[in-house]
Amino acid sequence: MKDLQFKTNINCGGCVSKVTPILNSTEGVCEWNVDTTKKDKVLTVKTGSLSASEIIATVERAGFKAQTL
């Protein structure tokens, strides 16, 4: 299990509610959260099988941007 962190533009509760069904239904995502209180809006994803690029593609499908930290 590894924790991957990304800087995102997921910056409010509405954004979190849009990305929630996508991340929750992605096989390989065990747990995730977004710290919307910090300037960089850090998304942390716990996964055992997904790469950083696969997580970025998933976030982009939800309509948001992500880049690795």
N, C-alpha and C. Protein backbone atom coordinates (compact mmCIF):
# COMPACT_ATOMS: atom_id res chain seq x y z
N MET A 1 0.85 -1.17 0.00
CA MET A 1 0.00 0.00 0.00
C MET A 1 0.89 1.24 0.00
N LYS A 2 0.58 2.17 -0.87
CA LYS A 2 1.36 3.41 -0.93
C LYS A 2 0.42 4.61 -0.93
N ASP A 3 0.93 5.72 -0.41
CA ASP A 3 0.20 6.99 -0.44
C ASP A 3 0.79 7.85 -1.54
N LEU A 4 -0.05 8.30 -2.46
CA LEU A 4 0.37 9.20 -3.52
C LEU A 4 -0.27 10.55 -3.26
N GLN A 5 0.50 11.62 -3.47
CA GLN A 5 -0.02 12.96 -3.23
C GLN A 5 0.05 13.80 -4.49
N PHE A 6 -0.99 14.62 -4.66
CA PHE A 6 -1.14 15.43 -5.86
C PHE A 6 -1.61 16.83 -5.49
N LYS A 7 -1.10 17.82 -6.19
CA LYS A 7 -1.64 19.18 -6.11
C LYS A 7 -2.82 19.21 -7.07
N THR A 8 -3.96 19.71 -6.61
CA THR A 8 -5.17 19.69 -7.45
C THR A 8 -5.86 21.05 -7.46
N ASN A 9 -6.88 21.14 -8.30
CA ASN A 9 -7.77 22.31 -8.27
C ASN A 9 -9.13 21.94 -7.68
N ILE A 10 -9.17 20.88 -6.88
CA ILE A 10 -10.36 20.49 -6.13
C ILE A 10 -10.35 21.35 -4.87
N ASN A 11 -11.16 22.42 -4.85
CA ASN A 11 -10.97 23.41 -3.80
C ASN A 11 -12.18 23.71 -2.92
N CYS A 12 -13.26 22.95 -3.06
CA CYS A 12 -14.43 23.22 -2.21
C CYS A 12 -15.26 21.94 -2.06
N GLY A 13 -16.27 22.02 -1.23
CA GLY A 13 -17.14 20.87 -1.01
C GLY A 13 -17.85 20.42 -2.26
N GLY A 14 -18.24 21.38 -3.11
CA GLY A 14 -18.90 21.03 -4.37
C GLY A 14 -17.98 20.24 -5.28
N CYS A 15 -16.71 20.65 -5.32
CA CYS A 15 -15.72 19.94 -6.14
C CYS A 15 -15.52 18.52 -5.60
N VAL A 16 -15.42 18.42 -4.28
CA VAL A 16 -15.24 17.11 -3.65
C VAL A 16 -16.43 16.21 -3.98
N SER A 17 -17.64 16.76 -3.96
CA SER A 17 -18.81 15.93 -4.26
C SER A 17 -18.83 15.47 -5.71
N LYS A 18 -18.22 16.25 -6.61
CA LYS A 18 -18.16 15.83 -8.02
C LYS A 18 -17.14 14.71 -8.24
N VAL A 19 -16.03 14.76 -7.51
CA VAL A 19 -14.97 13.77 -7.72
C VAL A 19 -15.20 12.49 -6.89
N THR A 20 -16.01 12.59 -5.83
CA THR A 20 -16.24 11.45 -4.94
C THR A 20 -16.71 10.19 -5.66
N PRO A 21 -17.77 10.24 -6.48
CA PRO A 21 -18.22 8.98 -7.11
C PRO A 21 -17.17 8.39 -8.05
N ILE A 22 -16.37 9.22 -8.68
CA ILE A 22 -15.34 8.73 -9.60
C ILE A 22 -14.24 8.00 -8.82
N LEU A 23 -13.71 8.65 -7.78
CA LEU A 23 -12.64 8.03 -7.01
C LEU A 23 -13.14 6.82 -6.23
N ASN A 24 -14.35 6.90 -5.69
CA ASN A 24 -14.88 5.78 -4.92
C ASN A 24 -15.13 4.55 -5.79
N SER A 25 -15.40 4.74 -7.07
CA SER A 25 -15.68 3.60 -7.94
C SER A 25 -14.45 3.12 -8.70
N THR A 26 -13.32 3.76 -8.50
CA THR A 26 -12.09 3.36 -9.19
C THR A 26 -11.44 2.19 -8.47
N GLU A 27 -11.32 1.07 -9.18
CA GLU A 27 -10.70 -0.10 -8.58
C GLU A 27 -9.24 0.19 -8.30
N GLY A 28 -8.79 -0.13 -7.10
CA GLY A 28 -7.41 0.12 -6.71
C GLY A 28 -7.26 1.30 -5.77
N VAL A 29 -8.28 2.16 -5.69
CA VAL A 29 -8.27 3.27 -4.74
C VAL A 29 -8.85 2.75 -3.43
N CYS A 30 -8.01 2.65 -2.41
CA CYS A 30 -8.47 2.12 -1.12
C CYS A 30 -9.05 3.21 -0.24
N GLU A 31 -8.42 4.37 -0.31
CA GLU A 31 -8.84 5.49 0.54
C GLU A 31 -8.30 6.77 -0.09
N TRP A 32 -8.99 7.87 0.09
CA TRP A 32 -8.51 9.14 -0.44
C TRP A 32 -9.09 10.29 0.34
N ASN A 33 -8.43 11.44 0.28
CA ASN A 33 -8.97 12.66 0.85
C ASN A 33 -8.29 13.87 0.21
N VAL A 34 -8.95 15.00 0.30
CA VAL A 34 -8.44 16.26 -0.24
C VAL A 34 -8.39 17.26 0.90
N ASP A 35 -7.23 17.87 1.09
CA ASP A 35 -7.10 18.92 2.10
C ASP A 35 -7.40 20.26 1.42
N THR A 36 -8.65 20.70 1.50
CA THR A 36 -9.05 21.94 0.83
C THR A 36 -8.70 23.17 1.66
N THR A 37 -8.14 22.98 2.86
CA THR A 37 -7.79 24.12 3.70
C THR A 37 -6.42 24.69 3.34
N LYS A 38 -5.59 23.91 2.67
CA LYS A 38 -4.25 24.38 2.29
C LYS A 38 -4.28 25.01 0.91
N LYS A 39 -3.33 25.89 0.65
CA LYS A 39 -3.26 26.60 -0.63
C LYS A 39 -3.15 25.64 -1.82
N ASP A 40 -2.36 24.56 -1.66
CA ASP A 40 -2.12 23.64 -2.77
C ASP A 40 -3.20 22.60 -2.98
N LYS A 41 -4.22 22.52 -2.10
CA LYS A 41 -5.33 21.57 -2.26
C LYS A 41 -4.82 20.16 -2.54
N VAL A 42 -4.16 19.57 -1.55
CA VAL A 42 -3.47 18.29 -1.72
C VAL A 42 -4.45 17.11 -1.64
N LEU A 43 -4.43 16.31 -2.71
CA LEU A 43 -5.19 15.06 -2.76
C LEU A 43 -4.23 13.93 -2.38
N THR A 44 -4.60 13.14 -1.39
CA THR A 44 -3.82 11.97 -0.99
C THR A 44 -4.64 10.74 -1.30
N VAL A 45 -4.03 9.81 -2.04
CA VAL A 45 -4.71 8.57 -2.43
C VAL A 45 -3.89 7.39 -1.93
N LYS A 46 -4.56 6.48 -1.21
CA LYS A 46 -3.93 5.24 -0.75
C LYS A 46 -4.30 4.15 -1.75
N THR A 47 -3.29 3.54 -2.35
CA THR A 47 -3.53 2.52 -3.36
C THR A 47 -2.46 1.43 -3.28
N GLY A 48 -2.85 0.26 -3.71
CA GLY A 48 -1.90 -0.83 -3.77
C GLY A 48 -1.52 -1.19 -5.19
N SER A 49 -2.26 -0.64 -6.16
CA SER A 49 -2.05 -1.09 -7.54
C SER A 49 -1.98 0.00 -8.59
N LEU A 50 -2.42 1.21 -8.27
CA LEU A 50 -2.47 2.25 -9.30
C LEU A 50 -1.21 3.11 -9.32
N SER A 51 -0.87 3.59 -10.51
CA SER A 51 0.27 4.49 -10.66
C SER A 51 -0.22 5.93 -10.53
N ALA A 52 0.72 6.84 -10.37
CA ALA A 52 0.37 8.26 -10.28
C ALA A 52 -0.34 8.72 -11.55
N SER A 53 0.11 8.26 -12.70
CA SER A 53 -0.52 8.70 -13.96
C SER A 53 -1.95 8.17 -14.08
N GLU A 54 -2.23 7.00 -13.54
CA GLU A 54 -3.60 6.46 -13.56
C GLU A 54 -4.52 7.29 -12.65
N ILE A 55 -4.01 7.72 -11.51
CA ILE A 55 -4.81 8.56 -10.61
C ILE A 55 -5.07 9.92 -11.27
N ILE A 56 -4.05 10.49 -11.89
CA ILE A 56 -4.21 11.78 -12.58
C ILE A 56 -5.28 11.67 -13.66
N ALA A 57 -5.25 10.59 -14.44
CA ALA A 57 -6.26 10.38 -15.49
C ALA A 57 -7.65 10.27 -14.89
N THR A 58 -7.78 9.62 -13.74
CA THR A 58 -9.07 9.47 -13.07
C THR A 58 -9.60 10.83 -12.61
N VAL A 59 -8.73 11.64 -12.02
CA VAL A 59 -9.12 12.98 -11.57
C VAL A 59 -9.53 13.83 -12.77
N GLU A 60 -8.80 13.71 -13.86
CA GLU A 60 -9.13 14.49 -15.07
C GLU A 60 -10.48 14.07 -15.66
N ARG A 61 -10.83 12.78 -15.56
CA ARG A 61 -12.15 12.31 -16.02
C ARG A 61 -13.27 12.98 -15.24
N ALA A 62 -12.97 13.32 -13.98
CA ALA A 62 -13.97 14.00 -13.14
C ALA A 62 -14.01 15.51 -13.42
N GLY A 63 -13.11 15.99 -14.27
CA GLY A 63 -13.12 17.40 -14.66
C GLY A 63 -12.16 18.28 -13.89
N PHE A 64 -11.18 17.67 -13.22
CA PHE A 64 -10.23 18.43 -12.43
C PHE A 64 -8.81 18.15 -12.87
N LYS A 65 -7.89 18.96 -12.38
CA LYS A 65 -6.47 18.78 -12.70
C LYS A 65 -5.75 18.25 -11.48
N ALA A 66 -4.68 17.48 -11.74
CA ALA A 66 -3.83 16.98 -10.67
C ALA A 66 -2.42 16.85 -11.18
N GLN A 67 -1.46 17.15 -10.32
CA GLN A 67 -0.06 16.92 -10.66
C GLN A 67 0.64 16.37 -9.43
N THR A 68 1.59 15.49 -9.65
CA THR A 68 2.26 14.84 -8.53
C THR A 68 3.07 15.85 -7.74
N LEU A 69 3.16 15.58 -6.44
CA LEU A 69 3.99 16.39 -5.54
C LEU A 69 5.32 15.72 -5.32
